[in-house]
Amino acid sequence: MASIYSGCTIWITAVIPFEKSTAKIVGMGFTTIIAVAHGLDEHSIEEVELRAFDDPDDRKTKPWLATERANKVRKELLALGIAPGRVRVSKQVRVVKPGEPCGIEFAITKIAKNARCSIGGPR
C-alpha cells in the first residue's frame, strides 16, 4: 500500500475566485487561503505544491495565468507565516472547462513522520 511517505501525493482542490483573466483574488479567496495556512500547521504538513487553474477560453490555454495565480496564492501563504520552503508552484497547469469554478489544487507532498491524521474519521 502506498503512503504519503513513499511518494504518494494527495491533491486537494480549493475554490479560490480570481478576477477574470487576472491573478487578483476576489470574494472568499483570502478566507480560503487563511484556512489552508492553518491546516498546514495543524496537520503537520511539511510541504505542498500549488497547481493553479487558468480561465476557460475557447481560443487557447493560458499557462502563464495559472502560474501567476499559483504564485499569488504562494505569496499570500508566505505573508501568513508559512515558510518559503514549504510551498512550491507546480509547472503543471490545470485547464478549466466552461462553467467550472477557478481554483487552486494543493498537493500534499510531505507530512511530518510523527503526524497523526485520519481521513474521513473522527478528529
C-alpha atoms as a PDB file:
ATOM      1  CA  MET A   1       0.000   0.000   0.000  1.00  0.00           C
ATOM      2  CA  ALA A   2       1.382   3.428  -0.924  1.00  0.00           C
ATOM      3  CA  SER A   3       1.752   6.044   1.748  1.00  0.00           C
ATOM      4  CA  ILE A   4       2.467   9.741   1.739  1.00  0.00           C
ATOM      5  CA  TYR A   5       5.953   8.837   2.958  1.00  0.00           C
ATOM      6  CA  SER A   6       6.709   6.730  -0.123  1.00  0.00           C
ATOM      7  CA  GLY A   7       5.806   9.280  -2.750  1.00  0.00           C
ATOM      8  CA  CYS A   8       2.005   9.209  -2.799  1.00  0.00           C
ATOM      9  CA  THR A   9       0.609  12.667  -3.498  1.00  0.00           C
ATOM     10  CA  ILE A  10      -2.783  13.866  -2.278  1.00  0.00           C
ATOM     11  CA  TRP A  11      -4.407  16.597  -4.408  1.00  0.00           C
ATOM     12  CA  ILE A  12      -6.973  18.828  -2.718  1.00  0.00           C
ATOM     13  CA  THR A  13      -8.872  21.415  -4.758  1.00  0.00           C
ATOM     14  CA  ALA A  14      -9.760  24.715  -3.113  1.00  0.00           C
ATOM     15  CA  VAL A  15     -12.047  27.116  -4.915  1.00  0.00           C
ATOM     16  CA  ILE A  16     -10.309  30.470  -4.873  1.00  0.00           C
ATOM     17  CA  PRO A  17     -12.081  33.040  -7.014  1.00  0.00           C
ATOM     18  CA  PHE A  18      -9.948  35.257  -9.234  1.00  0.00           C
ATOM     19  CA  GLU A  19     -10.946  38.265 -11.260  1.00  0.00           C
ATOM     20  CA  LYS A  20     -11.301  37.110 -14.876  1.00  0.00           C
ATOM     21  CA  SER A  21      -8.019  36.994 -16.786  1.00  0.00           C
ATOM     22  CA  THR A  22      -6.008  38.230 -13.770  1.00  0.00           C
ATOM     23  CA  ALA A  23      -4.326  36.869 -10.645  1.00  0.00           C
ATOM     24  CA  LYS A  24      -6.348  39.204  -8.407  1.00  0.00           C
ATOM     25  CA  ILE A  25      -8.006  37.178  -5.644  1.00  0.00           C
ATOM     26  CA  VAL A  26     -11.621  38.190  -5.003  1.00  0.00           C
ATOM     27  CA  GLY A  27     -14.528  37.172  -2.778  1.00  0.00           C
ATOM     28  CA  MET A  28     -13.847  34.486  -0.194  1.00  0.00           C
ATOM     29  CA  GLY A  29     -10.447  33.654  -1.695  1.00  0.00           C
ATOM     30  CA  PHE A  30      -8.475  35.134   1.196  1.00  0.00           C
ATOM     31  CA  THR A  31     -10.610  33.264   3.735  1.00  0.00           C
ATOM     32  CA  THR A  32      -9.783  30.014   1.945  1.00  0.00           C
ATOM     33  CA  ILE A  33      -6.065  30.838   1.945  1.00  0.00           C
ATOM     34  CA  ILE A  34      -6.151  31.574   5.694  1.00  0.00           C
ATOM     35  CA  ALA A  35      -7.877  28.218   6.292  1.00  0.00           C
ATOM     36  CA  VAL A  36      -5.216  26.446   4.210  1.00  0.00           C
ATOM     37  CA  ALA A  37      -2.419  28.148   6.185  1.00  0.00           C
ATOM     38  CA  HIS A  38      -3.980  26.963   9.463  1.00  0.00           C
ATOM     39  CA  GLY A  39      -4.415  23.481   8.037  1.00  0.00           C
ATOM     40  CA  LEU A  40      -0.761  23.281   7.035  1.00  0.00           C
ATOM     41  CA  ASP A  41       0.298  23.816  10.623  1.00  0.00           C
ATOM     42  CA  GLU A  42      -2.473  21.899  12.386  1.00  0.00           C
ATOM     43  CA  HIS A  43      -1.965  18.721  10.379  1.00  0.00           C
ATOM     44  CA  SER A  44       1.857  18.598  10.332  1.00  0.00           C
ATOM     45  CA  ILE A  45       2.005  19.111   6.577  1.00  0.00           C
ATOM     46  CA  GLU A  46       5.614  19.920   5.743  1.00  0.00           C
ATOM     47  CA  GLU A  47       5.335  20.636   2.032  1.00  0.00           C
ATOM     48  CA  VAL A  48       2.656  21.442  -0.532  1.00  0.00           C
ATOM     49  CA  GLU A  49       2.752  22.073  -4.250  1.00  0.00           C
ATOM     50  CA  LEU A  50       0.316  24.531  -5.836  1.00  0.00           C
ATOM     51  CA  ARG A  51      -1.206  23.897  -9.244  1.00  0.00           C
ATOM     52  CA  ALA A  52      -3.447  26.688 -10.476  1.00  0.00           C
ATOM     53  CA  PHE A  53      -6.272  26.886 -12.984  1.00  0.00           C
ATOM     54  CA  ASP A  54      -6.463  29.217 -15.947  1.00  0.00           C
ATOM     55  CA  ASP A  55      -9.737  30.738 -17.220  1.00  0.00           C
ATOM     56  CA  PRO A  56     -11.924  28.796 -19.634  1.00  0.00           C
ATOM     57  CA  ASP A  57     -11.262  30.253 -23.045  1.00  0.00           C
ATOM     58  CA  ASP A  58     -12.235  28.843 -26.408  1.00  0.00           C
ATOM     59  CA  ARG A  59      -9.179  30.326 -28.075  1.00  0.00           C
ATOM     60  CA  LYS A  60      -6.235  28.941 -26.121  1.00  0.00           C
ATOM     61  CA  THR A  61      -4.907  27.807 -22.772  1.00  0.00           C
ATOM     62  CA  LYS A  62      -3.105  30.455 -20.740  1.00  0.00           C
ATOM     63  CA  PRO A  63      -0.465  28.635 -18.673  1.00  0.00           C
ATOM     64  CA  TRP A  64       1.133  31.949 -17.704  1.00  0.00           C
ATOM     65  CA  LEU A  65      -2.104  32.988 -15.975  1.00  0.00           C
ATOM     66  CA  ALA A  66      -2.321  29.763 -13.991  1.00  0.00           C
ATOM     67  CA  THR A  67       1.303  30.124 -12.892  1.00  0.00           C
ATOM     68  CA  GLU A  68       0.744  33.758 -11.931  1.00  0.00           C
ATOM     69  CA  ARG A  69      -2.269  32.730  -9.820  1.00  0.00           C
ATOM     70  CA  ALA A  70      -0.340  29.974  -8.069  1.00  0.00           C
ATOM     71  CA  ASN A  71       2.470  32.429  -7.306  1.00  0.00           C
ATOM     72  CA  LYS A  72      -0.076  34.888  -5.876  1.00  0.00           C
ATOM     73  CA  VAL A  73      -1.507  32.225  -3.551  1.00  0.00           C
ATOM     74  CA  ARG A  74       2.029  31.215  -2.528  1.00  0.00           C
ATOM     75  CA  LYS A  75       2.832  34.854  -1.728  1.00  0.00           C
ATOM     76  CA  GLU A  76      -0.282  35.107   0.461  1.00  0.00           C
ATOM     77  CA  LEU A  77       0.637  31.895   2.326  1.00  0.00           C
ATOM     78  CA  LEU A  78       4.144  33.261   2.967  1.00  0.00           C
ATOM     79  CA  ALA A  79       2.620  36.518   4.265  1.00  0.00           C
ATOM     80  CA  LEU A  80       0.658  34.392   6.756  1.00  0.00           C
ATOM     81  CA  GLY A  81       3.895  32.927   8.116  1.00  0.00           C
ATOM     82  CA  ILE A  82       4.278  29.738   6.099  1.00  0.00           C
ATOM     83  CA  ALA A  83       7.990  29.117   5.430  1.00  0.00           C
ATOM     84  CA  PRO A  84       9.030  29.518   1.767  1.00  0.00           C
ATOM     85  CA  GLY A  85      10.481  26.012   1.588  1.00  0.00           C
ATOM     86  CA  ARG A  86       7.092  24.505   2.422  1.00  0.00           C
ATOM     87  CA  VAL A  87       5.197  25.869  -0.600  1.00  0.00           C
ATOM     88  CA  ARG A  88       6.199  25.480  -4.232  1.00  0.00           C
ATOM     89  CA  VAL A  89       4.472  26.192  -7.514  1.00  0.00           C
ATOM     90  CA  SER A  90       3.910  23.306  -9.907  1.00  0.00           C
ATOM     91  CA  LYS A  91       4.968  23.528 -13.518  1.00  0.00           C
ATOM     92  CA  GLN A  92       1.689  21.792 -14.419  1.00  0.00           C
ATOM     93  CA  VAL A  93      -1.391  23.808 -15.348  1.00  0.00           C
ATOM     94  CA  ARG A  94      -4.999  22.808 -14.789  1.00  0.00           C
ATOM     95  CA  VAL A  95      -7.286  23.795 -17.677  1.00  0.00           C
ATOM     96  CA  VAL A  96     -10.757  24.862 -16.564  1.00  0.00           C
ATOM     97  CA  LYS A  97     -13.799  23.796 -18.536  1.00  0.00           C
ATOM     98  CA  PRO A  98     -16.600  26.328 -19.151  1.00  0.00           C
ATOM     99  CA  GLY A  99     -18.818  26.570 -16.073  1.00  0.00           C
ATOM    100  CA  GLU A 100     -16.208  25.027 -13.770  1.00  0.00           C
ATOM    101  CA  PRO A 101     -15.029  27.267 -10.903  1.00  0.00           C
ATOM    102  CA  CYS A 102     -11.461  28.507 -10.912  1.00  0.00           C
ATOM    103  CA  GLY A 103      -9.273  27.485  -8.073  1.00  0.00           C
ATOM    104  CA  ILE A 104      -6.008  26.115  -6.829  1.00  0.00           C
ATOM    105  CA  GLU A 105      -5.094  22.496  -6.287  1.00  0.00           C
ATOM    106  CA  PHE A 106      -2.883  21.809  -3.302  1.00  0.00           C
ATOM    107  CA  ALA A 107      -0.745  18.682  -3.498  1.00  0.00           C
ATOM    108  CA  ILE A 108       0.313  17.475  -0.075  1.00  0.00           C
ATOM    109  CA  THR A 109       3.741  16.121  -0.932  1.00  0.00           C
ATOM    110  CA  LYS A 110       5.280  15.657   2.501  1.00  0.00           C
ATOM    111  CA  ILE A 111       3.949  15.329   6.033  1.00  0.00           C
ATOM    112  CA  ALA A 112       5.815  15.017   9.313  1.00  0.00           C
ATOM    113  CA  LYS A 113       6.836  11.475  10.238  1.00  0.00           C
ATOM    114  CA  ASN A 114       5.103  11.838  13.603  1.00  0.00           C
ATOM    115  CA  ALA A 115       1.902  13.288  12.117  1.00  0.00           C
ATOM    116  CA  ARG A 116      -1.352  11.802  13.312  1.00  0.00           C
ATOM    117  CA  CYS A 117      -4.157  12.246  10.858  1.00  0.00           C
ATOM    118  CA  SER A 118      -7.226  10.466   9.647  1.00  0.00           C
ATOM    119  CA  ILE A 119      -9.239  10.950   6.514  1.00  0.00           C
ATOM    120  CA  GLY A 120     -12.975  10.906   6.971  1.00  0.00           C
ATOM    121  CA  GLY A 121     -12.806   9.755  10.582  1.00  0.00           C
ATOM    122  CA  PRO A 122     -13.388  11.496  13.884  1.00  0.00           C
ATOM    123  CA  ARG A 123     -10.899  14.149  14.932  1.00  0.00           C
END
